[in-house]
N, C-alpha and C. Protein backbone atom coordinates (compact mmCIF):
# COMPACT_ATOMS: atom_id res chain seq x y z
N MET A 1 75.09 99.09 105.83
CA MET A 1 75.35 97.98 104.95
C MET A 1 75.05 96.70 105.72
N GLU A 2 74.04 95.97 105.35
CA GLU A 2 73.62 94.81 106.14
C GLU A 2 74.45 93.56 105.86
N THR A 3 74.68 93.23 104.62
CA THR A 3 75.39 92.00 104.33
C THR A 3 76.87 92.22 104.08
N GLY A 4 77.26 93.40 103.67
CA GLY A 4 78.66 93.69 103.43
C GLY A 4 79.09 93.46 102.00
N VAL A 5 80.35 93.71 101.77
CA VAL A 5 80.95 93.59 100.44
C VAL A 5 82.21 92.74 100.57
N LYS A 6 82.32 91.72 99.73
CA LYS A 6 83.52 90.88 99.75
C LYS A 6 84.70 91.70 99.24
N LEU A 7 85.80 91.68 100.00
CA LEU A 7 87.00 92.42 99.62
C LEU A 7 88.06 91.54 98.98
N PHE A 8 88.34 90.37 99.60
CA PHE A 8 89.38 89.49 99.07
C PHE A 8 89.31 88.15 99.79
N ALA A 9 89.97 87.16 99.21
CA ALA A 9 90.07 85.85 99.85
C ALA A 9 91.19 85.91 100.88
N LEU A 10 90.95 85.37 102.06
CA LEU A 10 91.93 85.39 103.13
C LEU A 10 93.25 84.73 102.71
N SER A 11 93.18 83.76 101.81
CA SER A 11 94.39 83.08 101.33
C SER A 11 95.33 84.02 100.57
N GLU A 12 94.84 85.18 100.14
CA GLU A 12 95.68 86.15 99.43
C GLU A 12 96.57 86.95 100.38
N LEU A 13 96.32 86.87 101.68
CA LEU A 13 97.02 87.70 102.64
C LEU A 13 97.91 86.86 103.55
N ARG A 14 99.21 86.95 103.32
CA ARG A 14 100.17 86.22 104.15
C ARG A 14 100.62 87.09 105.33
N GLU A 15 101.21 86.44 106.31
CA GLU A 15 101.77 87.14 107.48
C GLU A 15 102.72 88.25 107.03
N ARG A 16 102.59 89.43 107.64
CA ARG A 16 103.43 90.60 107.34
C ARG A 16 103.45 90.92 105.85
N ASP A 17 102.29 90.84 105.25
CA ASP A 17 102.11 91.21 103.86
C ASP A 17 100.90 92.14 103.83
N SER A 18 100.53 92.60 102.64
CA SER A 18 99.34 93.43 102.53
C SER A 18 98.59 93.10 101.25
N VAL A 19 97.32 93.42 101.26
CA VAL A 19 96.45 93.26 100.08
C VAL A 19 95.73 94.59 99.90
N ARG A 20 95.71 95.06 98.67
CA ARG A 20 94.98 96.29 98.32
C ARG A 20 93.64 95.93 97.72
N PHE A 21 92.64 96.80 97.92
CA PHE A 21 91.31 96.56 97.34
C PHE A 21 90.61 97.90 97.15
N VAL A 22 89.64 97.91 96.27
CA VAL A 22 88.84 99.11 95.99
C VAL A 22 87.72 99.18 97.01
N LEU A 23 87.48 100.37 97.54
CA LEU A 23 86.37 100.57 98.47
C LEU A 23 85.12 100.94 97.70
N PRO A 24 84.00 100.30 98.00
CA PRO A 24 82.77 100.59 97.27
C PRO A 24 82.31 102.03 97.51
N ASP A 25 81.76 102.63 96.46
CA ASP A 25 81.17 103.96 96.53
C ASP A 25 82.15 105.09 96.83
N LEU A 26 83.43 104.82 96.82
CA LEU A 26 84.43 105.87 97.02
C LEU A 26 85.49 105.74 95.94
N ARG A 27 86.20 106.79 95.72
CA ARG A 27 87.32 106.74 94.78
C ARG A 27 88.60 106.50 95.55
N LEU A 28 88.52 105.62 96.52
CA LEU A 28 89.66 105.30 97.37
C LEU A 28 89.90 103.80 97.38
N GLU A 29 91.09 103.45 97.82
CA GLU A 29 91.43 102.05 98.04
C GLU A 29 91.60 101.81 99.53
N GLY A 30 91.54 100.56 99.88
CA GLY A 30 91.87 100.14 101.22
C GLY A 30 93.03 99.17 101.15
N PHE A 31 93.60 98.85 102.30
CA PHE A 31 94.59 97.78 102.35
C PHE A 31 94.39 97.03 103.65
N ALA A 32 94.76 95.77 103.62
CA ALA A 32 94.66 94.91 104.80
C ALA A 32 96.04 94.34 105.09
N VAL A 33 96.29 94.11 106.38
CA VAL A 33 97.54 93.49 106.82
C VAL A 33 97.20 92.34 107.75
N ARG A 34 98.15 91.42 107.87
CA ARG A 34 97.97 90.28 108.78
C ARG A 34 99.15 90.23 109.74
N VAL A 35 98.82 90.11 111.03
CA VAL A 35 99.81 89.91 112.07
C VAL A 35 99.36 88.67 112.84
N GLY A 36 100.05 87.57 112.63
CA GLY A 36 99.60 86.30 113.21
C GLY A 36 98.26 85.94 112.59
N GLU A 37 97.28 85.69 113.42
CA GLU A 37 95.93 85.37 112.93
C GLU A 37 95.08 86.63 112.76
N ALA A 38 95.56 87.77 113.26
CA ALA A 38 94.78 89.01 113.22
C ALA A 38 94.88 89.67 111.85
N VAL A 39 93.74 90.04 111.30
CA VAL A 39 93.68 90.78 110.04
C VAL A 39 93.05 92.13 110.33
N ARG A 40 93.70 93.18 109.87
CA ARG A 40 93.20 94.54 110.04
C ARG A 40 93.17 95.22 108.68
N ALA A 41 92.22 96.13 108.50
CA ALA A 41 92.09 96.85 107.23
C ALA A 41 91.94 98.35 107.50
N TYR A 42 92.49 99.13 106.58
CA TYR A 42 92.50 100.59 106.71
C TYR A 42 92.25 101.22 105.35
N VAL A 43 91.76 102.46 105.38
CA VAL A 43 91.71 103.25 104.16
C VAL A 43 93.15 103.53 103.76
N ASN A 44 93.48 103.37 102.49
CA ASN A 44 94.86 103.51 102.02
C ASN A 44 95.21 104.98 101.79
N VAL A 45 95.11 105.76 102.87
CA VAL A 45 95.44 107.19 102.83
C VAL A 45 96.22 107.53 104.10
N CYS A 46 97.40 108.07 103.93
CA CYS A 46 98.21 108.49 105.07
C CYS A 46 97.69 109.83 105.58
N PRO A 47 97.51 109.98 106.89
CA PRO A 47 97.01 111.24 107.43
C PRO A 47 97.99 112.40 107.27
N HIS A 48 99.23 112.11 106.92
CA HIS A 48 100.22 113.18 106.77
C HIS A 48 100.00 114.00 105.51
N ARG A 49 99.87 113.36 104.39
CA ARG A 49 99.74 114.09 103.12
C ARG A 49 98.64 113.54 102.22
N THR A 50 97.76 112.77 102.74
CA THR A 50 96.65 112.16 102.00
C THR A 50 97.11 111.46 100.72
N GLN A 51 98.24 110.78 100.81
CA GLN A 51 98.74 109.92 99.74
C GLN A 51 98.56 108.47 100.16
N PRO A 52 98.59 107.53 99.21
CA PRO A 52 98.50 106.12 99.61
C PRO A 52 99.65 105.75 100.56
N VAL A 53 99.33 104.96 101.56
CA VAL A 53 100.34 104.51 102.51
C VAL A 53 101.37 103.64 101.81
N ASP A 54 100.93 102.83 100.86
CA ASP A 54 101.86 101.92 100.17
C ASP A 54 102.27 102.44 98.80
N VAL A 55 102.40 103.76 98.67
CA VAL A 55 102.84 104.37 97.42
C VAL A 55 104.23 103.83 97.05
N GLY A 56 104.53 103.82 95.80
CA GLY A 56 105.84 103.33 95.35
C GLY A 56 105.84 101.84 95.17
N ASP A 57 106.75 101.15 95.85
CA ASP A 57 106.92 99.71 95.65
C ASP A 57 105.95 98.87 96.45
N GLY A 58 105.06 99.49 97.22
CA GLY A 58 104.07 98.75 97.98
C GLY A 58 104.61 98.15 99.27
N ARG A 59 105.88 98.38 99.56
CA ARG A 59 106.48 97.85 100.79
C ARG A 59 105.93 98.62 101.99
N LEU A 60 105.47 97.92 102.98
CA LEU A 60 104.92 98.56 104.18
C LEU A 60 105.69 98.26 105.45
N TRP A 61 106.23 97.08 105.57
CA TRP A 61 106.70 96.57 106.86
C TRP A 61 108.13 96.99 107.19
N LEU A 62 108.31 97.46 108.41
CA LEU A 62 109.63 97.74 108.95
C LEU A 62 110.10 96.53 109.75
N PRO A 63 111.41 96.36 109.94
CA PRO A 63 111.89 95.21 110.71
C PRO A 63 111.31 95.12 112.12
N ASN A 64 110.93 96.25 112.73
CA ASN A 64 110.39 96.24 114.09
C ASN A 64 108.90 95.88 114.14
N GLY A 65 108.27 95.60 112.99
CA GLY A 65 106.87 95.18 112.96
C GLY A 65 105.89 96.30 112.71
N GLU A 66 106.35 97.55 112.65
CA GLU A 66 105.45 98.65 112.32
C GLU A 66 105.26 98.69 110.80
N ILE A 67 104.19 99.38 110.37
CA ILE A 67 104.05 99.67 108.94
C ILE A 67 104.41 101.13 108.73
N GLU A 68 104.96 101.41 107.55
CA GLU A 68 105.47 102.74 107.27
C GLU A 68 104.95 103.26 105.95
N CYS A 69 104.51 104.51 105.96
CA CYS A 69 104.13 105.17 104.72
C CYS A 69 105.41 105.43 103.92
N GLN A 70 105.42 104.97 102.70
CA GLN A 70 106.61 105.09 101.88
C GLN A 70 106.89 106.51 101.41
N ALA A 71 105.90 107.38 101.42
CA ALA A 71 106.11 108.75 100.93
C ALA A 71 107.00 109.57 101.86
N HIS A 72 106.70 109.56 103.17
CA HIS A 72 107.44 110.43 104.08
C HIS A 72 107.82 109.78 105.41
N GLY A 73 107.60 108.49 105.55
CA GLY A 73 108.09 107.78 106.73
C GLY A 73 107.19 107.80 107.95
N ALA A 74 105.92 108.15 107.82
CA ALA A 74 105.02 108.03 108.97
C ALA A 74 104.90 106.56 109.34
N ARG A 75 104.94 106.26 110.65
CA ARG A 75 104.91 104.87 111.11
C ARG A 75 103.66 104.60 111.91
N PHE A 76 103.10 103.38 111.74
CA PHE A 76 101.83 103.02 112.35
C PHE A 76 101.88 101.62 112.94
N ASP A 77 101.08 101.42 113.99
CA ASP A 77 100.90 100.09 114.57
C ASP A 77 99.96 99.33 113.63
N PRO A 78 100.36 98.15 113.14
CA PRO A 78 99.52 97.43 112.19
C PRO A 78 98.22 96.90 112.79
N LEU A 79 98.16 96.71 114.11
CA LEU A 79 96.95 96.17 114.73
C LEU A 79 95.93 97.24 115.10
N THR A 80 96.38 98.49 115.28
CA THR A 80 95.47 99.54 115.71
C THR A 80 95.39 100.72 114.75
N GLY A 81 96.40 100.87 113.89
CA GLY A 81 96.47 102.03 113.01
C GLY A 81 97.02 103.27 113.69
N GLU A 82 97.34 103.15 114.98
CA GLU A 82 97.84 104.26 115.77
C GLU A 82 99.17 104.77 115.20
N CYS A 83 99.33 106.10 115.17
CA CYS A 83 100.59 106.72 114.74
C CYS A 83 101.67 106.39 115.76
N ARG A 84 102.80 105.88 115.29
CA ARG A 84 103.91 105.53 116.17
C ARG A 84 105.08 106.48 116.02
N GLY A 85 105.03 107.37 115.02
CA GLY A 85 106.13 108.31 114.83
C GLY A 85 106.17 108.82 113.41
N GLY A 86 107.03 109.79 113.20
CA GLY A 86 107.13 110.39 111.88
C GLY A 86 106.10 111.50 111.72
N PRO A 87 105.88 111.94 110.50
CA PRO A 87 105.05 113.12 110.26
C PRO A 87 103.54 112.92 110.39
N CYS A 88 103.08 111.80 110.92
CA CYS A 88 101.64 111.64 111.13
C CYS A 88 101.15 112.42 112.34
N ASP A 89 102.06 112.92 113.16
CA ASP A 89 101.74 113.80 114.29
C ASP A 89 100.57 113.30 115.14
N GLY A 90 100.57 112.01 115.46
CA GLY A 90 99.54 111.46 116.32
C GLY A 90 98.24 111.07 115.63
N ARG A 91 98.11 111.36 114.34
CA ARG A 91 96.87 111.01 113.62
C ARG A 91 96.95 109.57 113.13
N PRO A 92 95.93 108.76 113.44
CA PRO A 92 95.95 107.34 113.06
C PRO A 92 95.46 107.12 111.63
N LEU A 93 95.67 105.90 111.17
CA LEU A 93 95.04 105.45 109.92
C LEU A 93 93.55 105.31 110.16
N THR A 94 92.76 105.42 109.11
CA THR A 94 91.31 105.25 109.22
C THR A 94 90.98 103.76 109.11
N PRO A 95 90.48 103.15 110.21
CA PRO A 95 90.20 101.71 110.18
C PRO A 95 88.93 101.40 109.39
N LEU A 96 88.88 100.19 108.89
CA LEU A 96 87.69 99.66 108.21
C LEU A 96 87.14 98.52 109.06
N THR A 97 85.83 98.40 109.10
CA THR A 97 85.20 97.31 109.84
C THR A 97 85.09 96.11 108.92
N ILE A 98 85.81 95.06 109.26
CA ILE A 98 85.83 93.85 108.43
C ILE A 98 85.43 92.65 109.25
N GLU A 99 85.11 91.58 108.53
CA GLU A 99 84.74 90.31 109.15
C GLU A 99 85.23 89.18 108.26
N GLU A 100 85.72 88.12 108.88
CA GLU A 100 86.12 86.93 108.13
C GLU A 100 84.94 85.98 108.07
N ARG A 101 84.61 85.53 106.84
CA ARG A 101 83.52 84.57 106.63
C ARG A 101 83.96 83.52 105.63
N ASP A 102 84.01 82.30 106.05
CA ASP A 102 84.31 81.17 105.16
C ASP A 102 85.52 81.43 104.27
N GLY A 103 86.60 81.92 104.88
CA GLY A 103 87.84 82.12 104.14
C GLY A 103 87.89 83.38 103.30
N GLU A 104 86.94 84.28 103.50
CA GLU A 104 86.92 85.54 102.76
C GLU A 104 86.83 86.70 103.75
N VAL A 105 87.30 87.86 103.32
CA VAL A 105 87.23 89.05 104.17
C VAL A 105 86.20 89.99 103.57
N TRP A 106 85.28 90.44 104.43
CA TRP A 106 84.16 91.28 104.02
C TRP A 106 84.20 92.62 104.74
N LEU A 107 83.88 93.67 104.03
CA LEU A 107 83.65 94.99 104.61
C LEU A 107 82.24 94.96 105.17
N THR A 108 82.07 95.29 106.45
CA THR A 108 80.76 95.11 107.07
C THR A 108 80.06 96.41 107.47
N SER A 109 80.67 97.54 107.18
CA SER A 109 79.98 98.81 107.44
C SER A 109 80.38 99.83 106.40
N ALA A 110 79.55 100.84 106.24
CA ALA A 110 79.80 101.88 105.25
C ALA A 110 81.10 102.60 105.59
N VAL A 111 81.74 103.12 104.57
CA VAL A 111 83.00 103.82 104.71
C VAL A 111 82.80 105.27 104.36
N SER A 112 83.31 106.14 105.20
CA SER A 112 83.26 107.56 104.86
C SER A 112 84.67 108.02 104.53
N GLU A 113 84.77 109.06 103.74
CA GLU A 113 86.09 109.57 103.37
C GLU A 113 86.82 110.04 104.62
N PRO A 114 88.12 109.73 104.71
CA PRO A 114 88.88 110.21 105.86
C PRO A 114 88.97 111.75 105.82
N HIS A 115 89.03 112.35 106.98
CA HIS A 115 89.22 113.79 107.04
C HIS A 115 90.23 114.11 108.14
N TRP A 116 91.15 115.01 107.79
CA TRP A 116 92.18 115.39 108.77
C TRP A 116 92.26 116.88 108.85
């Protein structure tokens, strides 16, 4: 993908919040989180049971700064997607390659379906 696909306006994503978006050419969604100035995006699929990470009320953030899958409590580092505990058994979230351009967030490489 040479030019990328616009996902959302950066103004839609506040600190310790998330934004959901549709991934092109897949029947999946992604989500992005912000920690300070850092924005990270992942495929919205938990490696534990292949359900959306933000299933239910969409709440992701724990008081300690980790994000948590609402289905079964798998915990992840929001900056790396690394499994921090719970039933993810060391399997990370699938990261997306994004870029900020003029106040917008763009997907800059093709996405393949996660496999566990």
